[in-house]
């Protein structure tokens, strides 16, 4: 596949120049925000952190200020949870924005669903690495990077927002592997659907339901965990490195043929209908509304108390011993 098909930013466009002599701030210091801040600093850029709890950022050597003070910058990267961004923006960020500033988003949620609506003349850009913060940081330290989606929703007064976004993506290391041009809508809708349908929601549901099926049938929980949870990483690693077809070639013939049998049974009209429901809820804003208004009940405690977690801790401890 060519660079044009991937919509890759050409190498000649990659530069840190857009942030030269610019005041950069990052609001929020969670896993993703922390990685961006450290990578930008290691790329030679000065960045301040806006947070209500400055201890962590200060321990990492950053200047930590109030969110209101951090909002007075040329690039303000908002690295807060999606469901709180709107309120924080309205109360603390927007009143302190300098004329012609640029807002940076790591995910397009708040702009797509209009929980944040910046005024004309304020730049609105996105740099969304396709990996968790720890990976963004580790890959950068290893001399490579995580590919990122880049989008410009709105230019600033001086029409420098795009250059700023390119410099930001370059500074976190994404240019080392690839910066793919996208839109806030495409990034947000595909990201939310992927998380729900497979990466987190679908995968967790399959693991848990398969574990419960074996245990209910009388099989030892430890064996059920190994087969339905532990071995997932091994297969996922092959898919990550080689793709689905090569994964099939790398497993046993029995496993491959069994997979085709299962695919025919599991992939039916009911599954496709449920996937379409998830996508529709993302597209029409139903999920976003339920998230922001806190209508979706957390199941973290329920999962933590599930038998799969109890037996999983024991199995994982054995595996760690083997690694040592």
C-alpha atoms as a PDB file:
ATOM      1  CA  UNK A   1       0.000   0.000   0.000  1.00  0.00           C
ATOM      2  CA  UNK A   2       1.364   3.380  -0.997  1.00  0.00           C
ATOM      3  CA  UNK A   3       1.770   6.448   1.192  1.00  0.00           C
ATOM      4  CA  UNK A   4      -1.079   8.066  -0.739  1.00  0.00           C
ATOM      5  CA  UNK A   5      -3.439   5.184   0.055  1.00  0.00           C
ATOM      6  CA  UNK A   6      -2.590   5.486   3.751  1.00  0.00           C
ATOM      7  CA  UNK A   7      -2.906   9.282   3.546  1.00  0.00           C
ATOM      8  CA  UNK A   8       0.517   9.606   5.161  1.00  0.00           C
ATOM      9  CA  UNK A   9       1.970  13.028   5.743  1.00  0.00           C
ATOM     10  CA  UNK A  10       4.945  13.410   3.362  1.00  0.00           C
ATOM     11  CA  UNK A  11       8.374  13.382   4.992  1.00  0.00           C
ATOM     12  CA  UNK A  12       9.207  16.846   3.672  1.00  0.00           C
ATOM     13  CA  UNK A  13       6.274  18.275   5.671  1.00  0.00           C
ATOM     14  CA  UNK A  14       7.522  16.886   8.988  1.00  0.00           C
ATOM     15  CA  UNK A  15       9.065  19.533  11.213  1.00  0.00           C
ATOM     16  CA  UNK A  16       9.207  20.928  14.743  1.00  0.00           C
ATOM     17  CA  UNK A  17       9.228  24.473  13.340  1.00  0.00           C
ATOM     18  CA  UNK A  18       5.549  25.069  14.089  1.00  0.00           C
ATOM     19  CA  UNK A  19       6.267  25.085  17.815  1.00  0.00           C
ATOM     20  CA  UNK A  20       9.519  27.001  17.773  1.00  0.00           C
ATOM     21  CA  UNK A  21       9.410  29.825  20.334  1.00  0.00           C
ATOM     22  CA  UNK A  22       5.818  28.910  21.188  1.00  0.00           C
ATOM     23  CA  UNK A  23       4.308  28.621  24.652  1.00  0.00           C
ATOM     24  CA  UNK A  24       3.029  25.058  25.043  1.00  0.00           C
ATOM     25  CA  UNK A  25       0.851  23.761  27.840  1.00  0.00           C
ATOM     26  CA  UNK A  26      -0.779  20.450  28.594  1.00  0.00           C
ATOM     27  CA  UNK A  27      -3.868  20.237  30.774  1.00  0.00           C
ATOM     28  CA  UNK A  28      -4.247  16.935  32.569  1.00  0.00           C
ATOM     29  CA  UNK A  29      -1.402  14.592  33.499  1.00  0.00           C
ATOM     30  CA  UNK A  30      -2.710  11.071  33.048  1.00  0.00           C
ATOM     31  CA  UNK A  31      -1.054   8.246  31.146  1.00  0.00           C
ATOM     32  CA  UNK A  32      -1.447   9.749  27.665  1.00  0.00           C
ATOM     33  CA  UNK A  33      -0.786  13.348  28.727  1.00  0.00           C
ATOM     34  CA  UNK A  34       2.309  12.357  30.655  1.00  0.00           C
ATOM     35  CA  UNK A  35       3.761  10.608  27.595  1.00  0.00           C
ATOM     36  CA  UNK A  36       3.126  13.614  25.349  1.00  0.00           C
ATOM     37  CA  UNK A  37       4.694  16.006  27.847  1.00  0.00           C
ATOM     38  CA  UNK A  38       7.834  13.933  28.351  1.00  0.00           C
ATOM     39  CA  UNK A  39       8.331  13.255  24.653  1.00  0.00           C
ATOM     40  CA  UNK A  40       7.882  16.917  23.720  1.00  0.00           C
ATOM     41  CA  UNK A  41      10.387  17.911  26.393  1.00  0.00           C
ATOM     42  CA  UNK A  42      12.885  15.340  25.163  1.00  0.00           C
ATOM     43  CA  UNK A  43      12.420  16.777  21.657  1.00  0.00           C
ATOM     44  CA  UNK A  44      13.715  20.102  22.924  1.00  0.00           C
ATOM     45  CA  UNK A  45      10.416  21.870  23.552  1.00  0.00           C
ATOM     46  CA  UNK A  46       9.446  23.591  26.805  1.00  0.00           C
ATOM     47  CA  UNK A  47       6.048  22.629  28.162  1.00  0.00           C
ATOM     48  CA  UNK A  48       4.114  23.515  31.313  1.00  0.00           C
ATOM     49  CA  UNK A  49       1.451  21.377  32.961  1.00  0.00           C
ATOM     50  CA  UNK A  50      -1.952  22.645  34.027  1.00  0.00           C
ATOM     51  CA  UNK A  51      -3.413  20.478  36.774  1.00  0.00           C
ATOM     52  CA  UNK A  52      -5.283  20.621  40.063  1.00  0.00           C
ATOM     53  CA  UNK A  53      -2.887  18.030  41.518  1.00  0.00           C
ATOM     54  CA  UNK A  54       0.639  19.211  40.630  1.00  0.00           C
ATOM     55  CA  UNK A  55       2.702  16.739  42.659  1.00  0.00           C
ATOM     56  CA  UNK A  56       3.156  14.084  39.968  1.00  0.00           C
ATOM     57  CA  UNK A  57       4.114  16.592  37.258  1.00  0.00           C
ATOM     58  CA  UNK A  58       6.505  18.388  39.598  1.00  0.00           C
ATOM     59  CA  UNK A  59       8.167  15.101  40.566  1.00  0.00           C
ATOM     60  CA  UNK A  60       8.793  14.533  36.851  1.00  0.00           C
ATOM     61  CA  UNK A  61      10.504  17.921  36.632  1.00  0.00           C
ATOM     62  CA  UNK A  62       7.737  19.972  35.004  1.00  0.00           C
ATOM     63  CA  UNK A  63       6.515  23.397  35.969  1.00  0.00           C
ATOM     64  CA  UNK A  64       2.949  22.825  37.201  1.00  0.00           C
ATOM     65  CA  UNK A  65       0.456  25.689  37.262  1.00  0.00           C
ATOM     66  CA  UNK A  66      -3.302  26.123  37.566  1.00  0.00           C
ATOM     67  CA  UNK A  67      -5.494  25.140  34.638  1.00  0.00           C
ATOM     68  CA  UNK A  68      -6.462  28.786  34.164  1.00  0.00           C
ATOM     69  CA  UNK A  69      -2.815  29.885  33.923  1.00  0.00           C
ATOM     70  CA  UNK A  70      -1.946  27.021  31.562  1.00  0.00           C
ATOM     71  CA  UNK A  71      -4.772  28.117  29.255  1.00  0.00           C
ATOM     72  CA  UNK A  72      -2.785  31.204  28.271  1.00  0.00           C
ATOM     73  CA  UNK A  73      -0.570  29.539  25.662  1.00  0.00           C
ATOM     74  CA  UNK A  74      -0.073  29.180  21.924  1.00  0.00           C
ATOM     75  CA  UNK A  75      -0.847  25.451  22.023  1.00  0.00           C
ATOM     76  CA  UNK A  76      -3.043  24.077  24.787  1.00  0.00           C
ATOM     77  CA  UNK A  77      -3.166  20.281  24.692  1.00  0.00           C
ATOM     78  CA  UNK A  78      -6.271  19.051  26.512  1.00  0.00           C
ATOM     79  CA  UNK A  79      -5.492  15.634  27.977  1.00  0.00           C
ATOM     80  CA  UNK A  80      -8.451  15.335  30.345  1.00  0.00           C
ATOM     81  CA  UNK A  81     -11.066  12.531  30.326  1.00  0.00           C
ATOM     82  CA  UNK A  82     -13.684  13.067  27.612  1.00  0.00           C
ATOM     83  CA  UNK A  83     -16.591  13.308  30.047  1.00  0.00           C
ATOM     84  CA  UNK A  84     -15.126  16.281  31.975  1.00  0.00           C
ATOM     85  CA  UNK A  85     -13.524  18.258  29.155  1.00  0.00           C
ATOM     86  CA  UNK A  86     -16.604  20.333  28.385  1.00  0.00           C
ATOM     87  CA  UNK A  87     -17.094  21.690  31.905  1.00  0.00           C
ATOM     88  CA  UNK A  88     -13.391  22.403  32.435  1.00  0.00           C
ATOM     89  CA  UNK A  89     -13.161  24.165  29.080  1.00  0.00           C
ATOM     90  CA  UNK A  90     -16.162  26.413  29.769  1.00  0.00           C
ATOM     91  CA  UNK A  91     -15.156  27.335  33.324  1.00  0.00           C
ATOM     92  CA  UNK A  92     -11.347  27.488  33.247  1.00  0.00           C
ATOM     93  CA  UNK A  93      -9.867  27.260  29.757  1.00  0.00           C
ATOM     94  CA  UNK A  94     -12.013  29.371  27.435  1.00  0.00           C
ATOM     95  CA  UNK A  95     -11.995  32.555  29.601  1.00  0.00           C
ATOM     96  CA  UNK A  96      -8.179  32.529  29.606  1.00  0.00           C
ATOM     97  CA  UNK A  97      -7.418  31.716  25.965  1.00  0.00           C
ATOM     98  CA  UNK A  98      -5.145  34.163  24.210  1.00  0.00           C
ATOM     99  CA  UNK A  99      -6.223  35.581  20.877  1.00  0.00           C
ATOM    100  CA  UNK A 100      -5.453  33.143  18.048  1.00  0.00           C
ATOM    101  CA  UNK A 101      -4.449  30.257  20.306  1.00  0.00           C
ATOM    102  CA  UNK A 102      -4.666  26.628  19.198  1.00  0.00           C
ATOM    103  CA  UNK A 103      -6.413  23.878  21.141  1.00  0.00           C
ATOM    104  CA  UNK A 104      -4.948  20.408  20.822  1.00  0.00           C
ATOM    105  CA  UNK A 105      -6.952  17.228  21.353  1.00  0.00           C
ATOM    106  CA  UNK A 106      -5.689  13.649  21.712  1.00  0.00           C
ATOM    107  CA  UNK A 107      -9.150  12.325  20.840  1.00  0.00           C
ATOM    108  CA  UNK A 108     -11.892  13.971  18.786  1.00  0.00           C
ATOM    109  CA  UNK A 109     -14.795  13.255  21.166  1.00  0.00           C
ATOM    110  CA  UNK A 110     -15.397  16.748  22.591  1.00  0.00           C
ATOM    111  CA  UNK A 111     -15.324  18.486  19.225  1.00  0.00           C
ATOM    112  CA  UNK A 112     -17.408  15.913  17.341  1.00  0.00           C
ATOM    113  CA  UNK A 113     -20.143  15.803  19.987  1.00  0.00           C
ATOM    114  CA  UNK A 114     -19.878  19.560  20.628  1.00  0.00           C
ATOM    115  CA  UNK A 115     -19.253  19.465  24.359  1.00  0.00           C
ATOM    116  CA  UNK A 116     -16.574  22.002  23.393  1.00  0.00           C
ATOM    117  CA  UNK A 117     -17.320  24.626  20.732  1.00  0.00           C
ATOM    118  CA  UNK A 118     -14.327  26.975  20.302  1.00  0.00           C
ATOM    119  CA  UNK A 119     -14.912  30.426  18.857  1.00  0.00           C
ATOM    120  CA  UNK A 120     -13.804  31.356  15.359  1.00  0.00           C
ATOM    121  CA  UNK A 121     -10.116  32.254  15.192  1.00  0.00           C
ATOM    122  CA  UNK A 122      -9.124  29.605  17.738  1.00  0.00           C
ATOM    123  CA  UNK A 123      -7.244  26.733  16.135  1.00  0.00           C
ATOM    124  CA  UNK A 124      -8.577  23.230  16.761  1.00  0.00           C
ATOM    125  CA  UNK A 125      -6.267  20.307  15.965  1.00  0.00           C
ATOM    126  CA  UNK A 126      -5.876  16.682  16.917  1.00  0.00           C
ATOM    127  CA  UNK A 127      -2.900  14.377  17.280  1.00  0.00           C
ATOM    128  CA  UNK A 128      -4.126  10.913  18.261  1.00  0.00           C
ATOM    129  CA  UNK A 129      -1.423   8.251  18.707  1.00  0.00           C
ATOM    130  CA  UNK A 130      -2.792   4.790  18.029  1.00  0.00           C
ATOM    131  CA  UNK A 131      -1.502   3.296  21.236  1.00  0.00           C
ATOM    132  CA  UNK A 132      -1.641   3.780  25.027  1.00  0.00           C
ATOM    133  CA  UNK A 133       0.498   6.397  26.731  1.00  0.00           C
ATOM    134  CA  UNK A 134       3.021   3.898  28.067  1.00  0.00           C
ATOM    135  CA  UNK A 135       3.647   2.652  24.521  1.00  0.00           C
ATOM    136  CA  UNK A 136       3.954   6.207  23.174  1.00  0.00           C
ATOM    137  CA  UNK A 137       6.650   6.853  25.773  1.00  0.00           C
ATOM    138  CA  UNK A 138       8.476   3.513  25.516  1.00  0.00           C
ATOM    139  CA  UNK A 139       8.641   3.599  21.710  1.00  0.00           C
ATOM    140  CA  UNK A 140       9.950   7.166  21.802  1.00  0.00           C
ATOM    141  CA  UNK A 141      12.732   6.195  24.234  1.00  0.00           C
ATOM    142  CA  UNK A 142      13.588   3.261  21.988  1.00  0.00           C
ATOM    143  CA  UNK A 143      14.142   5.639  19.069  1.00  0.00           C
ATOM    144  CA  UNK A 144      10.911   4.908  17.234  1.00  0.00           C
ATOM    145  CA  UNK A 145       7.306   5.983  17.709  1.00  0.00           C
ATOM    146  CA  UNK A 146       3.612   5.170  17.591  1.00  0.00           C
ATOM    147  CA  UNK A 147       1.756   6.179  14.401  1.00  0.00           C
ATOM    148  CA  UNK A 148      -0.718   9.002  14.966  1.00  0.00           C
ATOM    149  CA  UNK A 149      -3.776  10.446  13.269  1.00  0.00           C
ATOM    150  CA  UNK A 150      -3.600  14.183  12.596  1.00  0.00           C
ATOM    151  CA  UNK A 151      -6.567  16.421  11.876  1.00  0.00           C
ATOM    152  CA  UNK A 152      -7.278  20.138  11.632  1.00  0.00           C
ATOM    153  CA  UNK A 153     -10.871  20.991  12.489  1.00  0.00           C
ATOM    154  CA  UNK A 154     -10.412  24.762  12.526  1.00  0.00           C
ATOM    155  CA  UNK A 155      -7.539  27.109  11.717  1.00  0.00           C
ATOM    156  CA  UNK A 156      -6.339  29.883  14.021  1.00  0.00           C
ATOM    157  CA  UNK A 157      -6.147  33.561  13.052  1.00  0.00           C
ATOM    158  CA  UNK A 158      -2.597  33.297  11.786  1.00  0.00           C
ATOM    159  CA  UNK A 159      -3.303  30.006   9.929  1.00  0.00           C
ATOM    160  CA  UNK A 160      -0.515  28.240  11.807  1.00  0.00           C
ATOM    161  CA  UNK A 161      -2.635  25.549  13.478  1.00  0.00           C
ATOM    162  CA  UNK A 162      -1.699  22.858  10.965  1.00  0.00           C
ATOM    163  CA  UNK A 163       2.019  23.564  11.361  1.00  0.00           C
ATOM    164  CA  UNK A 164       1.579  23.447  15.126  1.00  0.00           C
ATOM    165  CA  UNK A 165      -0.152  20.070  14.887  1.00  0.00           C
ATOM    166  CA  UNK A 166       2.610  18.670  12.675  1.00  0.00           C
ATOM    167  CA  UNK A 167       5.240  19.875  15.135  1.00  0.00           C
ATOM    168  CA  UNK A 168       3.325  18.308  18.022  1.00  0.00           C
ATOM    169  CA  UNK A 169       3.054  14.949  16.228  1.00  0.00           C
ATOM    170  CA  UNK A 170       6.747  15.163  15.347  1.00  0.00           C
ATOM    171  CA  UNK A 171       7.698  16.021  18.914  1.00  0.00           C
ATOM    172  CA  UNK A 172       6.037  12.949  20.410  1.00  0.00           C
ATOM    173  CA  UNK A 173       7.830  10.654  17.942  1.00  0.00           C
ATOM    174  CA  UNK A 174       4.949   9.743  15.631  1.00  0.00           C
ATOM    175  CA  UNK A 175       6.766  11.103  12.572  1.00  0.00           C
ATOM    176  CA  UNK A 176       9.357   8.358  13.020  1.00  0.00           C
ATOM    177  CA  UNK A 177       6.755   5.775  11.972  1.00  0.00           C
ATOM    178  CA  UNK A 178       3.910   7.647  10.304  1.00  0.00           C
ATOM    179  CA  UNK A 179       1.495  10.555  10.640  1.00  0.00           C
ATOM    180  CA  UNK A 180      -1.802   9.766   8.947  1.00  0.00           C
ATOM    181  CA  UNK A 181      -4.131  12.607   8.025  1.00  0.00           C
ATOM    182  CA  UNK A 182      -7.706  12.082   9.179  1.00  0.00           C
ATOM    183  CA  UNK A 183     -10.724  13.942  10.560  1.00  0.00           C
ATOM    184  CA  UNK A 184     -12.163  14.382  14.050  1.00  0.00           C
ATOM    185  CA  UNK A 185     -15.259  12.443  12.981  1.00  0.00           C
ATOM    186  CA  UNK A 186     -13.447   9.455  11.517  1.00  0.00           C
ATOM    187  CA  UNK A 187     -10.998   9.182  14.412  1.00  0.00           C
ATOM    188  CA  UNK A 188     -13.673   9.410  17.077  1.00  0.00           C
ATOM    189  CA  UNK A 189     -16.251   7.087  15.545  1.00  0.00           C
ATOM    190  CA  UNK A 190     -13.792   4.351  14.566  1.00  0.00           C
ATOM    191  CA  UNK A 191     -11.974   4.611  17.902  1.00  0.00           C
ATOM    192  CA  UNK A 192     -15.127   4.322  20.012  1.00  0.00           C
ATOM    193  CA  UNK A 193     -16.536   1.505  17.883  1.00  0.00           C
ATOM    194  CA  UNK A 194     -13.254  -0.429  17.954  1.00  0.00           C
ATOM    195  CA  UNK A 195     -12.969  -0.107  21.736  1.00  0.00           C
ATOM    196  CA  UNK A 196     -16.512  -1.292  22.272  1.00  0.00           C
ATOM    197  CA  UNK A 197     -16.845  -3.948  19.576  1.00  0.00           C
ATOM    198  CA  UNK A 198     -13.505  -5.753  19.970  1.00  0.00           C
ATOM    199  CA  UNK A 199     -10.505  -4.169  21.681  1.00  0.00           C
ATOM    200  CA  UNK A 200     -12.096  -3.911  25.135  1.00  0.00           C
ATOM    201  CA  UNK A 201     -15.819  -4.642  25.182  1.00  0.00           C
ATOM    202  CA  UNK A 202     -16.006  -7.500  22.706  1.00  0.00           C
ATOM    203  CA  UNK A 203     -12.768  -9.133  23.848  1.00  0.00           C
ATOM    204  CA  UNK A 204     -13.731  -8.977  27.527  1.00  0.00           C
ATOM    205  CA  UNK A 205     -17.177 -10.394  26.781  1.00  0.00           C
ATOM    206  CA  UNK A 206     -15.795 -13.323  24.767  1.00  0.00           C
ATOM    207  CA  UNK A 207     -13.147 -14.131  27.384  1.00  0.00           C
ATOM    208  CA  UNK A 208     -15.604 -13.983  30.279  1.00  0.00           C
ATOM    209  CA  UNK A 209     -18.397 -15.889  28.523  1.00  0.00           C
ATOM    210  CA  UNK A 210     -16.018 -18.604  27.298  1.00  0.00           C
ATOM    211  CA  UNK A 211     -14.478 -18.989  30.778  1.00  0.00           C
ATOM    212  CA  UNK A 212     -17.936 -19.300  32.359  1.00  0.00           C
ATOM    213  CA  UNK A 213     -19.028 -21.841  29.726  1.00  0.00           C
ATOM    214  CA  UNK A 214     -16.109 -24.155  30.537  1.00  0.00           C
ATOM    215  CA  UNK A 215     -16.428 -23.775  34.315  1.00  0.00           C
ATOM    216  CA  UNK A 216     -20.189 -24.395  34.188  1.00  0.00           C
ATOM    217  CA  UNK A 217     -19.470 -27.572  32.224  1.00  0.00           C
ATOM    218  CA  UNK A 218     -17.251 -28.822  35.057  1.00  0.00           C
ATOM    219  CA  UNK A 219     -13.764 -27.969  33.809  1.00  0.00           C
ATOM    220  CA  UNK A 220     -11.125 -26.658  36.254  1.00  0.00           C
ATOM    221  CA  UNK A 221     -11.164 -22.824  36.468  1.00  0.00           C
ATOM    222  CA  UNK A 222      -7.371 -22.729  36.115  1.00  0.00           C
ATOM    223  CA  UNK A 223      -7.509 -24.588  32.799  1.00  0.00           C
ATOM    224  CA  UNK A 224     -10.430 -22.454  31.630  1.00  0.00           C
ATOM    225  CA  UNK A 225      -8.429 -19.292  32.386  1.00  0.00           C
ATOM    226  CA  UNK A 226      -5.344 -20.487  30.523  1.00  0.00           C
ATOM    227  CA  UNK A 227      -7.341 -21.450  27.437  1.00  0.00           C
ATOM    228  CA  UNK A 228      -9.748 -18.502  27.342  1.00  0.00           C
ATOM    229  CA  UNK A 229      -7.635 -15.631  28.648  1.00  0.00           C
ATOM    230  CA  UNK A 230      -3.926 -16.331  29.023  1.00  0.00           C
ATOM    231  CA  UNK A 231      -3.367 -17.511  25.455  1.00  0.00           C
ATOM    232  CA  UNK A 232      -5.131 -14.496  23.922  1.00  0.00           C
ATOM    233  CA  UNK A 233      -1.925 -12.439  24.077  1.00  0.00           C
ATOM    234  CA  UNK A 234       0.076 -15.042  22.201  1.00  0.00           C
ATOM    235  CA  UNK A 235      -2.346 -15.024  19.269  1.00  0.00           C
ATOM    236  CA  UNK A 236      -2.785 -11.230  19.403  1.00  0.00           C
ATOM    237  CA  UNK A 237       0.996 -10.784  19.210  1.00  0.00           C
ATOM    238  CA  UNK A 238       1.158 -12.842  16.010  1.00  0.00           C
ATOM    239  CA  UNK A 239      -1.708 -10.856  14.476  1.00  0.00           C
ATOM    240  CA  UNK A 240       0.033  -7.615  15.455  1.00  0.00           C
ATOM    241  CA  UNK A 241       3.295  -8.695  13.837  1.00  0.00           C
ATOM    242  CA  UNK A 242       2.073 -10.630  10.786  1.00  0.00           C
ATOM    243  CA  UNK A 243      -1.675 -10.181  10.277  1.00  0.00           C
ATOM    244  CA  UNK A 244      -4.637 -12.572  10.486  1.00  0.00           C
ATOM    245  CA  UNK A 245      -3.772 -14.847   7.544  1.00  0.00           C
ATOM    246  CA  UNK A 246      -0.199 -15.396   8.745  1.00  0.00           C
ATOM    247  CA  UNK A 247      -1.488 -16.065  12.263  1.00  0.00           C
ATOM    248  CA  UNK A 248      -3.596 -18.881  10.838  1.00  0.00           C
ATOM    249  CA  UNK A 249      -0.507 -20.270   9.121  1.00  0.00           C
ATOM    250  CA  UNK A 250       1.464 -20.180  12.382  1.00  0.00           C
ATOM    251  CA  UNK A 251      -0.990 -22.148  14.542  1.00  0.00           C
ATOM    252  CA  UNK A 252      -1.818 -25.857  14.445  1.00  0.00           C
ATOM    253  CA  UNK A 253      -4.000 -27.260  11.684  1.00  0.00           C
ATOM    254  CA  UNK A 254      -6.594 -28.280  14.270  1.00  0.00           C
ATOM    255  CA  UNK A 255      -6.731 -24.760  15.713  1.00  0.00           C
ATOM    256  CA  UNK A 256      -7.010 -23.225  12.241  1.00  0.00           C
ATOM    257  CA  UNK A 257      -9.819 -25.498  11.042  1.00  0.00           C
ATOM    258  CA  UNK A 258     -11.583 -25.106  14.397  1.00  0.00           C
ATOM    259  CA  UNK A 259     -11.386 -21.343  13.969  1.00  0.00           C
ATOM    260  CA  UNK A 260     -13.179 -21.519  10.619  1.00  0.00           C
ATOM    261  CA  UNK A 261     -15.895 -23.671  12.198  1.00  0.00           C
ATOM    262  CA  UNK A 262     -16.336 -21.158  15.026  1.00  0.00           C
ATOM    263  CA  UNK A 263     -16.361 -18.193  12.643  1.00  0.00           C
ATOM    264  CA  UNK A 264     -19.295 -19.708  10.758  1.00  0.00           C
ATOM    265  CA  UNK A 265     -21.222 -20.334  13.975  1.00  0.00           C
ATOM    266  CA  UNK A 266     -20.503 -17.069  15.799  1.00  0.00           C
ATOM    267  CA  UNK A 267     -20.647 -14.616  12.907  1.00  0.00           C
ATOM    268  CA  UNK A 268     -24.366 -14.538  12.238  1.00  0.00           C
ATOM    269  CA  UNK A 269     -27.032 -11.916  11.584  1.00  0.00           C
ATOM    270  CA  UNK A 270     -27.549 -11.402  15.319  1.00  0.00           C
ATOM    271  CA  UNK A 271     -23.879 -10.532  15.847  1.00  0.00           C
ATOM    272  CA  UNK A 272     -23.872  -8.167  12.854  1.00  0.00           C
ATOM    273  CA  UNK A 273     -27.027  -6.498  14.152  1.00  0.00           C
ATOM    274  CA  UNK A 274     -25.461  -5.892  17.563  1.00  0.00           C
ATOM    275  CA  UNK A 275     -22.303  -4.486  15.986  1.00  0.00           C
ATOM    276  CA  UNK A 276     -24.465  -2.140  13.907  1.00  0.00           C
ATOM    277  CA  UNK A 277     -26.231  -1.031  17.105  1.00  0.00           C
ATOM    278  CA  UNK A 278     -22.891  -0.162  18.704  1.00  0.00           C
ATOM    279  CA  UNK A 279     -21.840   1.794  15.618  1.00  0.00           C
ATOM    280  CA  UNK A 280     -25.180   3.613  15.368  1.00  0.00           C
ATOM    281  CA  UNK A 281     -24.990   4.651  19.037  1.00  0.00           C
ATOM    282  CA  UNK A 282     -21.542   6.102  18.375  1.00  0.00           C
ATOM    283  CA  UNK A 283     -22.603   7.862  15.170  1.00  0.00           C
ATOM    284  CA  UNK A 284     -25.810   9.427  16.488  1.00  0.00           C
ATOM    285  CA  UNK A 285     -24.306  10.587  19.799  1.00  0.00           C
ATOM    286  CA  UNK A 286     -26.311   8.241  22.046  1.00  0.00           C
ATOM    287  CA  UNK A 287     -23.189   6.776  23.628  1.00  0.00           C
ATOM    288  CA  UNK A 288     -21.575  10.204  24.060  1.00  0.00           C
ATOM    289  CA  UNK A 289     -24.665  11.551  25.847  1.00  0.00           C
ATOM    290  CA  UNK A 290     -24.810   8.548  28.178  1.00  0.00           C
ATOM    291  CA  UNK A 291     -21.097   8.891  28.932  1.00  0.00           C
ATOM    292  CA  UNK A 292     -21.177  12.625  29.693  1.00  0.00           C
ATOM    293  CA  UNK A 293     -24.324  12.337  31.820  1.00  0.00           C
ATOM    294  CA  UNK A 294     -22.856   9.319  33.668  1.00  0.00           C
ATOM    295  CA  UNK A 295     -25.719   6.981  32.781  1.00  0.00           C
ATOM    296  CA  UNK A 296     -23.453   3.985  32.160  1.00  0.00           C
ATOM    297  CA  UNK A 297     -22.757   1.939  35.274  1.00  0.00           C
ATOM    298  CA  UNK A 298     -19.165   0.930  35.979  1.00  0.00           C
ATOM    299  CA  UNK A 299     -18.569  -2.809  36.166  1.00  0.00           C
ATOM    300  CA  UNK A 300     -14.975  -2.614  37.359  1.00  0.00           C
ATOM    301  CA  UNK A 301     -15.807  -3.841  40.883  1.00  0.00           C
ATOM    302  CA  UNK A 302     -17.990  -6.622  39.519  1.00  0.00           C
ATOM    303  CA  UNK A 303     -15.190  -7.782  37.225  1.00  0.00           C
ATOM    304  CA  UNK A 304     -12.624  -7.551  40.032  1.00  0.00           C
ATOM    305  CA  UNK A 305     -14.731  -9.927  42.130  1.00  0.00           C
ATOM    306  CA  UNK A 306     -15.301 -12.414  39.317  1.00  0.00           C
ATOM    307  CA  UNK A 307     -13.750 -15.886  39.617  1.00  0.00           C
ATOM    308  CA  UNK A 308     -11.732 -15.296  36.466  1.00  0.00           C
ATOM    309  CA  UNK A 309      -9.775 -12.577  38.300  1.00  0.00           C
ATOM    310  CA  UNK A 310      -9.198 -14.719  41.391  1.00  0.00           C
ATOM    311  CA  UNK A 311      -7.777 -17.623  39.415  1.00  0.00           C
ATOM    312  CA  UNK A 312      -6.091 -15.262  36.965  1.00  0.00           C
ATOM    313  CA  UNK A 313      -3.935 -13.694  39.680  1.00  0.00           C
ATOM    314  CA  UNK A 314      -2.618 -17.133  40.619  1.00  0.00           C
ATOM    315  CA  UNK A 315      -1.893 -18.128  37.023  1.00  0.00           C
ATOM    316  CA  UNK A 316      -0.184 -14.805  36.263  1.00  0.00           C
ATOM    317  CA  UNK A 317       2.007 -15.144  39.363  1.00  0.00           C
ATOM    318  CA  UNK A 318       3.202 -18.532  38.111  1.00  0.00           C
ATOM    319  CA  UNK A 319       4.029 -17.062  34.719  1.00  0.00           C
ATOM    320  CA  UNK A 320       5.989 -14.231  36.298  1.00  0.00           C
ATOM    321  CA  UNK A 321       8.006 -16.761  38.279  1.00  0.00           C
ATOM    322  CA  UNK A 322       8.876 -18.536  35.037  1.00  0.00           C
ATOM    323  CA  UNK A 323      10.055 -15.219  33.527  1.00  0.00           C
ATOM    324  CA  UNK A 324      12.417 -14.693  36.462  1.00  0.00           C
END
